[in-house]
Amino acid sequence: MSKRRYAKERIKRLAQTRVEILWQQALRNARSRPEVARFQMRSARKIARRTRTKIPWHISRRLCKKCGAILIPGNTCRVRIRHNRAKHMVVTCTECGNVKRYFLTNLKPQA
């Protein structure tokens, strides 16, 4: 492995670690100081963009893409299960009104 490639991979690992740290801090601040949590997640997105890495799925799913708020069911978002056409979950941000739909395909009824 070349030195340049090793350096790039090291930077990406550091970026992923920093994004995780910012996520943990933002979760702690989400209810008491939402503006600080929003700023922390904006910083995490900048880090991921600059290093060309993806924000992990478990984090990106809980962020509003429009306003950057952390989506907490019952507090900063509303969650509904819908059955028209295909079964899906609708998450509405209460801060900006942005709507996200997640299709629920692999759910099996519990017996």
PDB file of N, CA and C in Angstrom:
ATOM      1  N   MET A   1       0.851  -1.176   0.000  1.00  0.00           N
ATOM      2  CA  MET A   1       0.000   0.000   0.000  1.00  0.00           C
ATOM      3  C   MET A   1       0.900   1.244   0.000  1.00  0.00           C
ATOM      4  N   SER A   2       0.574   2.167  -0.858  1.00  0.00           N
ATOM      5  CA  SER A   2       1.377   3.380  -0.962  1.00  0.00           C
ATOM      6  C   SER A   2       1.120   4.300   0.230  1.00  0.00           C
ATOM      7  N   LYS A   3       2.055   5.222   0.441  1.00  0.00           N
ATOM      8  CA  LYS A   3       1.929   6.154   1.559  1.00  0.00           C
ATOM      9  C   LYS A   3       0.714   7.055   1.393  1.00  0.00           C
ATOM     10  N   ARG A   4       0.458   7.482   0.165  1.00  0.00           N
ATOM     11  CA  ARG A   4      -0.670   8.385  -0.101  1.00  0.00           C
ATOM     12  C   ARG A   4      -1.999   7.694   0.202  1.00  0.00           C
ATOM     13  N   ARG A   5      -2.128   6.450  -0.248  1.00  0.00           N
ATOM     14  CA  ARG A   5      -3.371   5.711  -0.017  1.00  0.00           C
ATOM     15  C   ARG A   5      -3.590   5.466   1.470  1.00  0.00           C
ATOM     16  N   TYR A   6      -2.507   5.128   2.181  1.00  0.00           N
ATOM     17  CA  TYR A   6      -2.598   4.909   3.616  1.00  0.00           C
ATOM     18  C   TYR A   6      -3.040   6.197   4.320  1.00  0.00           C
ATOM     19  N   ALA A   7      -2.493   7.326   3.896  1.00  0.00           N
ATOM     20  CA  ALA A   7      -2.848   8.610   4.506  1.00  0.00           C
ATOM     21  C   ALA A   7      -4.320   8.937   4.274  1.00  0.00           C
ATOM     22  N   LYS A   8      -4.824   8.680   3.071  1.00  0.00           N
ATOM     23  CA  LYS A   8      -6.232   8.945   2.764  1.00  0.00           C
ATOM     24  C   LYS A   8      -7.149   8.083   3.625  1.00  0.00           C
ATOM     25  N   GLU A   9      -6.798   6.805   3.752  1.00  0.00           N
ATOM     26  CA  GLU A   9      -7.621   5.907   4.565  1.00  0.00           C
ATOM     27  C   GLU A   9      -7.602   6.325   6.034  1.00  0.00           C
ATOM     28  N   ARG A  10      -6.457   6.775   6.507  1.00  0.00           N
ATOM     29  CA  ARG A  10      -6.339   7.228   7.892  1.00  0.00           C
ATOM     30  C   ARG A  10      -7.213   8.469   8.121  1.00  0.00           C
ATOM     31  N   ILE A  11      -7.196   9.391   7.176  1.00  0.00           N
ATOM     32  CA  ILE A  11      -8.015  10.602   7.280  1.00  0.00           C
ATOM     33  C   ILE A  11      -9.490  10.235   7.296  1.00  0.00           C
ATOM     34  N   LYS A  12      -9.896   9.269   6.451  1.00  0.00           N
ATOM     35  CA  LYS A  12     -11.298   8.856   6.411  1.00  0.00           C
ATOM     36  C   LYS A  12     -11.723   8.201   7.726  1.00  0.00           C
ATOM     37  N   ARG A  13     -10.832   7.386   8.314  1.00  0.00           N
ATOM     38  CA  ARG A  13     -11.148   6.767   9.608  1.00  0.00           C
ATOM     39  C   ARG A  13     -11.300   7.831  10.691  1.00  0.00           C
ATOM     40  N   LEU A  14     -10.403   8.816  10.683  1.00  0.00           N
ATOM     41  CA  LEU A  14     -10.487   9.908  11.654  1.00  0.00           C
ATOM     42  C   LEU A  14     -11.785  10.694  11.472  1.00  0.00           C
ATOM     43  N   ALA A  15     -12.163  10.924  10.223  1.00  0.00           N
ATOM     44  CA  ALA A  15     -13.398  11.662   9.940  1.00  0.00           C
ATOM     45  C   ALA A  15     -14.607  10.893  10.454  1.00  0.00           C
ATOM     46  N   GLN A  16     -14.648   9.586  10.218  1.00  0.00           N
ATOM     47  CA  GLN A  16     -15.763   8.769  10.688  1.00  0.00           C
ATOM     48  C   GLN A  16     -15.848   8.789  12.212  1.00  0.00           C
ATOM     49  N   THR A  17     -14.701   8.727  12.859  1.00  0.00           N
ATOM     50  CA  THR A  17     -14.666   8.778  14.316  1.00  0.00           C
ATOM     51  C   THR A  17     -15.193  10.118  14.817  1.00  0.00           C
ATOM     52  N   ARG A  18     -14.774  11.186  14.170  1.00  0.00           N
ATOM     53  CA  ARG A  18     -15.216  12.523  14.575  1.00  0.00           C
ATOM     54  C   ARG A  18     -16.722  12.696  14.374  1.00  0.00           C
ATOM     55  N   VAL A  19     -17.246  12.157  13.278  1.00  0.00           N
ATOM     56  CA  VAL A  19     -18.686  12.215  13.020  1.00  0.00           C
ATOM     57  C   VAL A  19     -19.443  11.479  14.129  1.00  0.00           C
ATOM     58  N   GLU A  20     -18.937  10.310  14.534  1.00  0.00           N
ATOM     59  CA  GLU A  20     -19.582   9.550  15.617  1.00  0.00           C
ATOM     60  C   GLU A  20     -19.553  10.332  16.930  1.00  0.00           C
ATOM     61  N   ILE A  21     -18.426  10.981  17.229  1.00  0.00           N
ATOM     62  CA  ILE A  21     -18.312  11.769  18.460  1.00  0.00           C
ATOM     63  C   ILE A  21     -19.303  12.929  18.424  1.00  0.00           C
ATOM     64  N   LEU A  22     -19.367  13.632  17.290  1.00  0.00           N
ATOM     65  CA  LEU A  22     -20.312  14.743  17.169  1.00  0.00           C
ATOM     66  C   LEU A  22     -21.754  14.266  17.304  1.00  0.00           C
ATOM     67  N   TRP A  23     -22.056  13.087  16.784  1.00  0.00           N
ATOM     68  CA  TRP A  23     -23.401  12.518  16.893  1.00  0.00           C
ATOM     69  C   TRP A  23     -23.759  12.269  18.362  1.00  0.00           C
ATOM     70  N   GLN A  24     -22.828  11.659  19.115  1.00  0.00           N
ATOM     71  CA  GLN A  24     -23.089  11.388  20.528  1.00  0.00           C
ATOM     72  C   GLN A  24     -23.312  12.693  21.297  1.00  0.00           C
ATOM     73  N   GLN A  25     -22.505  13.709  21.011  1.00  0.00           N
ATOM     74  CA  GLN A  25     -22.668  14.994  21.686  1.00  0.00           C
ATOM     75  C   GLN A  25     -23.998  15.648  21.300  1.00  0.00           C
ATOM     76  N   ALA A  26     -24.356  15.560  20.021  1.00  0.00           N
ATOM     77  CA  ALA A  26     -25.607  16.161  19.561  1.00  0.00           C
ATOM     78  C   ALA A  26     -26.811  15.480  20.197  1.00  0.00           C
ATOM     79  N   LEU A  27     -26.755  14.164  20.380  1.00  0.00           N
ATOM     80  CA  LEU A  27     -27.857  13.456  21.045  1.00  0.00           C
ATOM     81  C   LEU A  27     -28.037  13.945  22.476  1.00  0.00           C
ATOM     82  N   ARG A  28     -26.916  14.203  23.168  1.00  0.00           N
ATOM     83  CA  ARG A  28     -27.004  14.708  24.539  1.00  0.00           C
ATOM     84  C   ARG A  28     -27.614  16.102  24.582  1.00  0.00           C
ATOM     85  N   ASN A  29     -27.355  16.918  23.559  1.00  0.00           N
ATOM     86  CA  ASN A  29     -27.831  18.301  23.533  1.00  0.00           C
ATOM     87  C   ASN A  29     -29.177  18.470  22.840  1.00  0.00           C
ATOM     88  N   ALA A  30     -29.715  17.414  22.242  1.00  0.00           N
ATOM     89  CA  ALA A  30     -30.879  17.532  21.369  1.00  0.00           C
ATOM     90  C   ALA A  30     -32.103  18.122  22.073  1.00  0.00           C
ATOM     91  N   ARG A  31     -32.396  17.691  23.272  1.00  0.00           N
ATOM     92  CA  ARG A  31     -33.603  18.170  23.951  1.00  0.00           C
ATOM     93  C   ARG A  31     -33.392  19.505  24.652  1.00  0.00           C
ATOM     94  N   SER A  32     -32.249  19.670  25.319  1.00  0.00           N
ATOM     95  CA  SER A  32     -32.033  20.885  26.095  1.00  0.00           C
ATOM     96  C   SER A  32     -31.573  22.061  25.233  1.00  0.00           C
ATOM     97  N   ARG A  33     -30.667  21.805  24.272  1.00  0.00           N
ATOM     98  CA  ARG A  33     -30.145  22.886  23.423  1.00  0.00           C
ATOM     99  C   ARG A  33     -30.141  22.442  21.964  1.00  0.00           C
ATOM    100  N   PRO A  34     -31.306  22.471  21.307  1.00  0.00           N
ATOM    101  CA  PRO A  34     -31.392  21.956  19.929  1.00  0.00           C
ATOM    102  C   PRO A  34     -30.553  22.740  18.928  1.00  0.00           C
ATOM    103  N   GLU A  35     -30.333  24.047  19.171  1.00  0.00           N
ATOM    104  CA  GLU A  35     -29.527  24.829  18.231  1.00  0.00           C
ATOM    105  C   GLU A  35     -28.064  24.384  18.259  1.00  0.00           C
ATOM    106  N   VAL A  36     -27.571  23.968  19.430  1.00  0.00           N
ATOM    107  CA  VAL A  36     -26.198  23.458  19.541  1.00  0.00           C
ATOM    108  C   VAL A  36     -26.101  22.104  18.836  1.00  0.00           C
ATOM    109  N   ALA A  37     -27.098  21.248  19.025  1.00  0.00           N
ATOM    110  CA  ALA A  37     -27.117  19.938  18.369  1.00  0.00           C
ATOM    111  C   ALA A  37     -27.150  20.094  16.853  1.00  0.00           C
ATOM    112  N   ARG A  38     -27.936  21.040  16.375  1.00  0.00           N
ATOM    113  CA  ARG A  38     -28.019  21.295  14.934  1.00  0.00           C
ATOM    114  C   ARG A  38     -26.662  21.764  14.387  1.00  0.00           C
ATOM    115  N   PHE A  39     -25.972  22.627  15.138  1.00  0.00           N
ATOM    116  CA  PHE A  39     -24.653  23.103  14.729  1.00  0.00           C
ATOM    117  C   PHE A  39     -23.646  21.954  14.694  1.00  0.00           C
ATOM    118  N   GLN A  40     -23.716  21.051  15.691  1.00  0.00           N
ATOM    119  CA  GLN A  40     -22.797  19.915  15.724  1.00  0.00           C
ATOM    120  C   GLN A  40     -23.013  18.998  14.528  1.00  0.00           C
ATOM    121  N   MET A  41     -24.271  18.785  14.149  1.00  0.00           N
ATOM    122  CA  MET A  41     -24.524  17.913  13.009  1.00  0.00           C
ATOM    123  C   MET A  41     -24.174  18.604  11.694  1.00  0.00           C
ATOM    124  N   ARG A  42     -24.289  19.922  11.649  1.00  0.00           N
ATOM    125  CA  ARG A  42     -23.835  20.655  10.466  1.00  0.00           C
ATOM    126  C   ARG A  42     -22.318  20.486  10.312  1.00  0.00           C
ATOM    127  N   SER A  43     -21.593  20.532  11.422  1.00  0.00           N
ATOM    128  CA  SER A  43     -20.146  20.317  11.404  1.00  0.00           C
ATOM    129  C   SER A  43     -19.822  18.898  10.945  1.00  0.00           C
ATOM    130  N   ALA A  44     -20.592  17.921  11.416  1.00  0.00           N
ATOM    131  CA  ALA A  44     -20.371  16.529  11.015  1.00  0.00           C
ATOM    132  C   ALA A  44     -20.573  16.360   9.513  1.00  0.00           C
ATOM    133  N   ARG A  45     -21.606  17.000   8.974  1.00  0.00           N
ATOM    134  CA  ARG A  45     -21.837  16.924   7.521  1.00  0.00           C
ATOM    135  C   ARG A  45     -20.694  17.549   6.736  1.00  0.00           C
ATOM    136  N   LYS A  46     -20.170  18.670   7.246  1.00  0.00           N
ATOM    137  CA  LYS A  46     -19.033  19.320   6.576  1.00  0.00           C
ATOM    138  C   LYS A  46     -17.812  18.410   6.568  1.00  0.00           C
ATOM    139  N   ILE A  47     -17.553  17.768   7.700  1.00  0.00           N
ATOM    140  CA  ILE A  47     -16.408  16.851   7.788  1.00  0.00           C
ATOM    141  C   ILE A  47     -16.576  15.705   6.799  1.00  0.00           C
ATOM    142  N   ALA A  48     -17.772  15.125   6.746  1.00  0.00           N
ATOM    143  CA  ALA A  48     -18.029  14.003   5.832  1.00  0.00           C
ATOM    144  C   ALA A  48     -17.907  14.453   4.375  1.00  0.00           C
ATOM    145  N   ARG A  49     -18.407  15.627   4.069  1.00  0.00           N
ATOM    146  CA  ARG A  49     -18.335  16.138   2.703  1.00  0.00           C
ATOM    147  C   ARG A  49     -16.886  16.395   2.295  1.00  0.00           C
ATOM    148  N   ARG A  50     -16.109  16.996   3.204  1.00  0.00           N
ATOM    149  CA  ARG A  50     -14.726  17.351   2.902  1.00  0.00           C
ATOM    150  C   ARG A  50     -13.866  16.112   2.677  1.00  0.00           C
ATOM    151  N   THR A  51     -14.134  15.032   3.425  1.00  0.00           N
ATOM    152  CA  THR A  51     -13.335  13.812   3.292  1.00  0.00           C
ATOM    153  C   THR A  51     -13.965  12.800   2.340  1.00  0.00           C
ATOM    154  N   ARG A  52     -15.101  13.179   1.747  1.00  0.00           N
ATOM    155  CA  ARG A  52     -15.817  12.314   0.800  1.00  0.00           C
ATOM    156  C   ARG A  52     -16.179  10.967   1.420  1.00  0.00           C
ATOM    157  N   THR A  53     -16.716  11.022   2.623  1.00  0.00           N
ATOM    158  CA  THR A  53     -17.203   9.821   3.288  1.00  0.00           C
ATOM    159  C   THR A  53     -18.696   9.975   3.532  1.00  0.00           C
ATOM    160  N   LYS A  54     -19.359   8.850   3.690  1.00  0.00           N
ATOM    161  CA  LYS A  54     -20.798   8.881   3.953  1.00  0.00           C
ATOM    162  C   LYS A  54     -21.035   8.991   5.453  1.00  0.00           C
ATOM    163  N   ILE A  55     -22.108   9.689   5.794  1.00  0.00           N
ATOM    164  CA  ILE A  55     -22.561   9.683   7.174  1.00  0.00           C
ATOM    165  C   ILE A  55     -23.253   8.338   7.380  1.00  0.00           C
ATOM    166  N   PRO A  56     -22.929   7.631   8.465  1.00  0.00           N
ATOM    167  CA  PRO A  56     -23.517   6.303   8.679  1.00  0.00           C
ATOM    168  C   PRO A  56     -25.046   6.323   8.642  1.00  0.00           C
ATOM    169  N   TRP A  57     -25.612   5.204   8.241  1.00  0.00           N
ATOM    170  CA  TRP A  57     -27.043   5.064   8.048  1.00  0.00           C
ATOM    171  C   TRP A  57     -27.821   5.367   9.311  1.00  0.00           C
ATOM    172  N   HIS A  58     -27.329   4.905  10.461  1.00  0.00           N
ATOM    173  CA  HIS A  58     -28.064   5.106  11.713  1.00  0.00           C
ATOM    174  C   HIS A  58     -28.093   6.577  12.129  1.00  0.00           C
ATOM    175  N   ILE A  59     -27.205   7.388  11.573  1.00  0.00           N
ATOM    176  CA  ILE A  59     -27.200   8.819  11.858  1.00  0.00           C
ATOM    177  C   ILE A  59     -28.029   9.572  10.823  1.00  0.00           C
ATOM    178  N   SER A  60     -27.804   9.306   9.553  1.00  0.00           N
ATOM    179  CA  SER A  60     -28.488  10.064   8.499  1.00  0.00           C
ATOM    180  C   SER A  60     -29.996   9.863   8.543  1.00  0.00           C
ATOM    181  N   ARG A  61     -30.425   8.708   9.035  1.00  0.00           N
ATOM    182  CA  ARG A  61     -31.854   8.430   9.121  1.00  0.00           C
ATOM    183  C   ARG A  61     -32.531   9.274  10.186  1.00  0.00           C
ATOM    184  N   ARG A  62     -31.764   9.754  11.168  1.00  0.00           N
ATOM    185  CA  ARG A  62     -32.338  10.519  12.264  1.00  0.00           C
ATOM    186  C   ARG A  62     -32.091  12.017  12.137  1.00  0.00           C
ATOM    187  N   LEU A  63     -31.702  12.461  10.944  1.00  0.00           N
ATOM    188  CA  LEU A  63     -31.479  13.883  10.701  1.00  0.00           C
ATOM    189  C   LEU A  63     -32.447  14.390   9.643  1.00  0.00           C
ATOM    190  N   CYS A  64     -32.928  15.612   9.838  1.00  0.00           N
ATOM    191  CA  CYS A  64     -33.741  16.253   8.813  1.00  0.00           C
ATOM    192  C   CYS A  64     -32.790  16.853   7.783  1.00  0.00           C
ATOM    193  N   LYS A  65     -32.982  16.500   6.522  1.00  0.00           N
ATOM    194  CA  LYS A  65     -32.093  17.007   5.485  1.00  0.00           C
ATOM    195  C   LYS A  65     -32.326  18.480   5.185  1.00  0.00           C
ATOM    196  N   LYS A  66     -33.513  18.961   5.497  1.00  0.00           N
ATOM    197  CA  LYS A  66     -33.835  20.351   5.174  1.00  0.00           C
ATOM    198  C   LYS A  66     -33.303  21.324   6.229  1.00  0.00           C
ATOM    199  N   CYS A  67     -33.586  21.061   7.504  1.00  0.00           N
ATOM    200  CA  CYS A  67     -33.192  22.029   8.547  1.00  0.00           C
ATOM    201  C   CYS A  67     -32.058  21.535   9.437  1.00  0.00           C
ATOM    202  N   GLY A  68     -31.706  20.252   9.363  1.00  0.00           N
ATOM    203  CA  GLY A  68     -30.596  19.729  10.150  1.00  0.00           C
ATOM    204  C   GLY A  68     -30.950  19.320  11.564  1.00  0.00           C
ATOM    205  N   ALA A  69     -32.232  19.339  11.932  1.00  0.00           N
ATOM    206  CA  ALA A  69     -32.644  18.966  13.289  1.00  0.00           C
ATOM    207  C   ALA A  69     -32.504  17.465  13.492  1.00  0.00           C
ATOM    208  N   ILE A  70     -32.240  17.071  14.735  1.00  0.00           N
ATOM    209  CA  ILE A  70     -32.222  15.658  15.081  1.00  0.00           C
ATOM    210  C   ILE A  70     -33.664  15.228  15.290  1.00  0.00           C
ATOM    211  N   LEU A  71     -34.084  14.184  14.598  1.00  0.00           N
ATOM    212  CA  LEU A  71     -35.478  13.741  14.639  1.00  0.00           C
ATOM    213  C   LEU A  71     -35.699  12.811  15.827  1.00  0.00           C
ATOM    214  N   ILE A  72     -36.430  13.310  16.820  1.00  0.00           N
ATOM    215  CA  ILE A  72     -36.781  12.534  17.998  1.00  0.00           C
ATOM    216  C   ILE A  72     -38.295  12.360  17.977  1.00  0.00           C
ATOM    217  N   PRO A  73     -38.780  11.113  17.810  1.00  0.00           N
ATOM    218  CA  PRO A  73     -40.225  10.894  17.720  1.00  0.00           C
ATOM    219  C   PRO A  73     -40.966  11.467  18.924  1.00  0.00           C
ATOM    220  N   GLY A  74     -42.028  12.222  18.646  1.00  0.00           N
ATOM    221  CA  GLY A  74     -42.831  12.827  19.685  1.00  0.00           C
ATOM    222  C   GLY A  74     -42.317  14.179  20.146  1.00  0.00           C
ATOM    223  N   ASN A  75     -41.086  14.513  19.803  1.00  0.00           N
ATOM    224  CA  ASN A  75     -40.508  15.781  20.222  1.00  0.00           C
ATOM    225  C   ASN A  75     -40.244  16.680  19.008  1.00  0.00           C
ATOM    226  N   THR A  76     -39.389  16.233  18.105  1.00  0.00           N
ATOM    227  CA  THR A  76     -39.064  17.044  16.930  1.00  0.00           C
ATOM    228  C   THR A  76     -39.588  16.437  15.634  1.00  0.00           C
ATOM    229  N   CYS A  77     -40.255  15.293  15.731  1.00  0.00           N
ATOM    230  CA  CYS A  77     -40.840  14.717  14.520  1.00  0.00           C
ATOM    231  C   CYS A  77     -42.093  13.922  14.870  1.00  0.00           C
ATOM    232  N   ARG A  78     -42.899  13.695  13.846  1.00  0.00           N
ATOM    233  CA  ARG A  78     -44.109  12.890  13.975  1.00  0.00           C
ATOM    234  C   ARG A  78     -43.927  11.670  13.087  1.00  0.00           C
ATOM    235  N   VAL A  79     -44.236  10.491  13.595  1.00  0.00           N
ATOM    236  CA  VAL A  79     -44.045   9.246  12.854  1.00  0.00           C
ATOM    237  C   VAL A  79     -45.396   8.587  12.654  1.00  0.00           C
ATOM    238  N   ARG A  80     -45.703   8.231  11.425  1.00  0.00           N
ATOM    239  CA  ARG A  80     -46.959   7.553  11.083  1.00  0.00           C
ATOM    240  C   ARG A  80     -46.655   6.352  10.201  1.00  0.00           C
ATOM    241  N   ILE A  81     -47.442   5.298  10.366  1.00  0.00           N
ATOM    242  CA  ILE A  81     -47.368   4.125   9.487  1.00  0.00           C
ATOM    243  C   ILE A  81     -48.566   4.196   8.559  1.00  0.00           C
ATOM    244  N   ARG A  82     -48.300   4.127   7.264  1.00  0.00           N
ATOM    245  CA  ARG A  82     -49.364   4.220   6.259  1.00  0.00           C
ATOM    246  C   ARG A  82     -49.436   2.922   5.463  1.00  0.00           C
ATOM    247  N   HIS A  83     -50.628   2.624   4.937  1.00  0.00           N
ATOM    248  CA  HIS A  83     -50.838   1.374   4.208  1.00  0.00           C
ATOM    249  C   HIS A  83     -51.301   1.568   2.771  1.00  0.00           C
ATOM    250  N   ASN A  84     -51.417   2.824   2.315  1.00  0.00           N
ATOM    251  CA  ASN A  84     -51.896   2.995   0.949  1.00  0.00           C
ATOM    252  C   ASN A  84     -50.787   2.631  -0.049  1.00  0.00           C
ATOM    253  N   ARG A  85     -51.163   1.905  -1.092  1.00  0.00           N
ATOM    254  CA  ARG A  85     -50.260   1.334  -2.102  1.00  0.00           C
ATOM    255  C   ARG A  85     -49.287   0.351  -1.465  1.00  0.00           C
ATOM    256  N   ALA A  86     -48.220   0.852  -0.849  1.00  0.00           N
ATOM    257  CA  ALA A  86     -47.263  -0.020  -0.176  1.00  0.00           C
ATOM    258  C   ALA A  86     -47.130   0.441   1.268  1.00  0.00           C
ATOM    259  N   LYS A  87     -46.837  -0.483   2.161  1.00  0.00           N
ATOM    260  CA  LYS A  87     -46.700  -0.117   3.562  1.00  0.00           C
ATOM    261  C   LYS A  87     -45.442   0.734   3.727  1.00  0.00           C
ATOM    262  N   HIS A  88     -45.603   1.897   4.355  1.00  0.00           N
ATOM    263  CA  HIS A  88     -44.459   2.776   4.555  1.00  0.00           C
ATOM    264  C   HIS A  88     -44.616   3.592   5.828  1.00  0.00           C
ATOM    265  N   MET A  89     -43.485   4.126   6.280  1.00  0.00           N
ATOM    266  CA  MET A  89     -43.454   4.966   7.470  1.00  0.00           C
ATOM    267  C   MET A  89     -43.212   6.399   7.016  1.00  0.00           C
ATOM    268  N   VAL A  90     -44.011   7.331   7.531  1.00  0.00           N
ATOM    269  CA  VAL A  90     -43.881   8.745   7.177  1.00  0.00           C
ATOM    270  C   VAL A  90     -43.354   9.485   8.396  1.00  0.00           C
ATOM    271  N   VAL A  91     -42.211  10.153   8.237  1.00  0.00           N
ATOM    272  CA  VAL A  91     -41.602  10.926   9.321  1.00  0.00           C
ATOM    273  C   VAL A  91     -41.675  12.393   8.918  1.00  0.00           C
ATOM    274  N   THR A  92     -42.378  13.196   9.718  1.00  0.00           N
ATOM    275  CA  THR A  92     -42.549  14.615   9.440  1.00  0.00           C
ATOM    276  C   THR A  92     -41.791  15.425  10.488  1.00  0.00           C
ATOM    277  N   CYS A  93     -40.891  16.291  10.045  1.00  0.00           N
ATOM    278  CA  CYS A  93     -40.143  17.158  10.947  1.00  0.00           C
ATOM    279  C   CYS A  93     -41.080  18.269  11.421  1.00  0.00           C
ATOM    280  N   THR A  94     -41.169  18.454  12.742  1.00  0.00           N
ATOM    281  CA  THR A  94     -42.052  19.498  13.264  1.00  0.00           C
ATOM    282  C   THR A  94     -41.399  20.875  13.218  1.00  0.00           C
ATOM    283  N   GLU A  95     -40.088  20.925  12.971  1.00  0.00           N
ATOM    284  CA  GLU A  95     -39.387  22.206  12.882  1.00  0.00           C
ATOM    285  C   GLU A  95     -39.658  22.890  11.545  1.00  0.00           C
ATOM    286  N   CYS A  96     -39.539  22.125  10.452  1.00  0.00           N
ATOM    287  CA  CYS A  96     -39.659  22.738   9.123  1.00  0.00           C
ATOM    288  C   CYS A  96     -40.772  22.138   8.268  1.00  0.00           C
ATOM    289  N   GLY A  97     -41.349  21.005   8.684  1.00  0.00           N
ATOM    290  CA  GLY A  97     -42.426  20.386   7.921  1.00  0.00           C
ATOM    291  C   GLY A  97     -41.962  19.435   6.831  1.00  0.00           C
ATOM    292  N   ASN A  98     -40.661  19.172   6.752  1.00  0.00           N
ATOM    293  CA  ASN A  98     -40.139  18.262   5.735  1.00  0.00           C
ATOM    294  C   ASN A  98     -40.640  16.840   6.000  1.00  0.00           C
ATOM    295  N   VAL A  99     -40.962  16.111   4.930  1.00  0.00           N
ATOM    296  CA  VAL A  99     -41.521  14.763   5.036  1.00  0.00           C
ATOM    297  C   VAL A  99     -40.556  13.767   4.414  1.00  0.00           C
ATOM    298  N   LYS A 100     -40.301  12.651   5.142  1.00  0.00           N
ATOM    299  CA  LYS A 100     -39.489  11.554   4.626  1.00  0.00           C
ATOM    300  C   LYS A 100     -40.336  10.294   4.657  1.00  0.00           C
ATOM    301  N   ARG A 101     -40.222   9.480   3.633  1.00  0.00           N
ATOM    302  CA  ARG A 101     -40.956   8.215   3.580  1.00  0.00           C
ATOM    303  C   ARG A 101     -39.971   7.061   3.515  1.00  0.00           C
ATOM    304  N   TYR A 102     -40.199   6.052   4.344  1.00  0.00           N
ATOM    305  CA  TYR A 102     -39.376   4.849   4.354  1.00  0.00           C
ATOM    306  C   TYR A 102     -40.297   3.676   4.101  1.00  0.00           C
ATOM    307  N   PHE A 103     -40.041   2.938   3.025  1.00  0.00           N
ATOM    308  CA  PHE A 103     -40.877   1.802   2.689  1.00  0.00           C
ATOM    309  C   PHE A 103     -40.516   0.609   3.553  1.00  0.00           C
ATOM    310  N   LEU A 104     -41.533  -0.048   4.078  1.00  0.00           N
ATOM    311  CA  LEU A 104     -41.371  -1.176   4.971  1.00  0.00           C
ATOM    312  C   LEU A 104     -41.705  -2.440   4.185  1.00  0.00           C
ATOM    313  N   THR A 105     -40.684  -3.074   3.637  1.00  0.00           N
ATOM    314  CA  THR A 105     -40.926  -4.201   2.753  1.00  0.00           C
ATOM    315  C   THR A 105     -40.696  -5.548   3.417  1.00  0.00           C
ATOM    316  N   ASN A 106     -39.711  -5.657   4.298  1.00  0.00           N
ATOM    317  CA  ASN A 106     -39.347  -6.943   4.829  1.00  0.00           C
ATOM    318  C   ASN A 106     -39.936  -7.231   6.205  1.00  0.00           C
ATOM    319  N   LEU A 107     -41.067  -6.650   6.493  1.00  0.00           N
ATOM    320  CA  LEU A 107     -41.706  -6.905   7.783  1.00  0.00           C
ATOM    321  C   LEU A 107     -42.624  -8.112   7.686  1.00  0.00           C
ATOM    322  N   LYS A 108     -42.512  -9.017   8.643  1.00  0.00           N
ATOM    323  CA  LYS A 108     -43.360 -10.183   8.681  1.00  0.00           C
ATOM    324  C   LYS A 108     -44.313 -10.032   9.869  1.00  0.00           C
ATOM    325  N   PRO A 109     -45.560 -10.413   9.709  1.00  0.00           N
ATOM    326  CA  PRO A 109     -46.498 -10.308  10.838  1.00  0.00           C
ATOM    327  C   PRO A 109     -46.071 -11.266  11.956  1.00  0.00           C
ATOM    328  N   GLN A 110     -46.189 -10.794  13.185  1.00  0.00           N
ATOM    329  CA  GLN A 110     -45.832 -11.626  14.326  1.00  0.00           C
ATOM    330  C   GLN A 110     -47.006 -12.515  14.711  1.00  0.00           C
ATOM    331  N   ALA A 111     -46.708 -13.786  14.949  1.00  0.00           N
ATOM    332  CA  ALA A 111     -47.762 -14.743  15.289  1.00  0.00           C
ATOM    333  C   ALA A 111     -47.927 -14.889  16.773  1.00  0.00           C
TER     334      ALA A 111
END
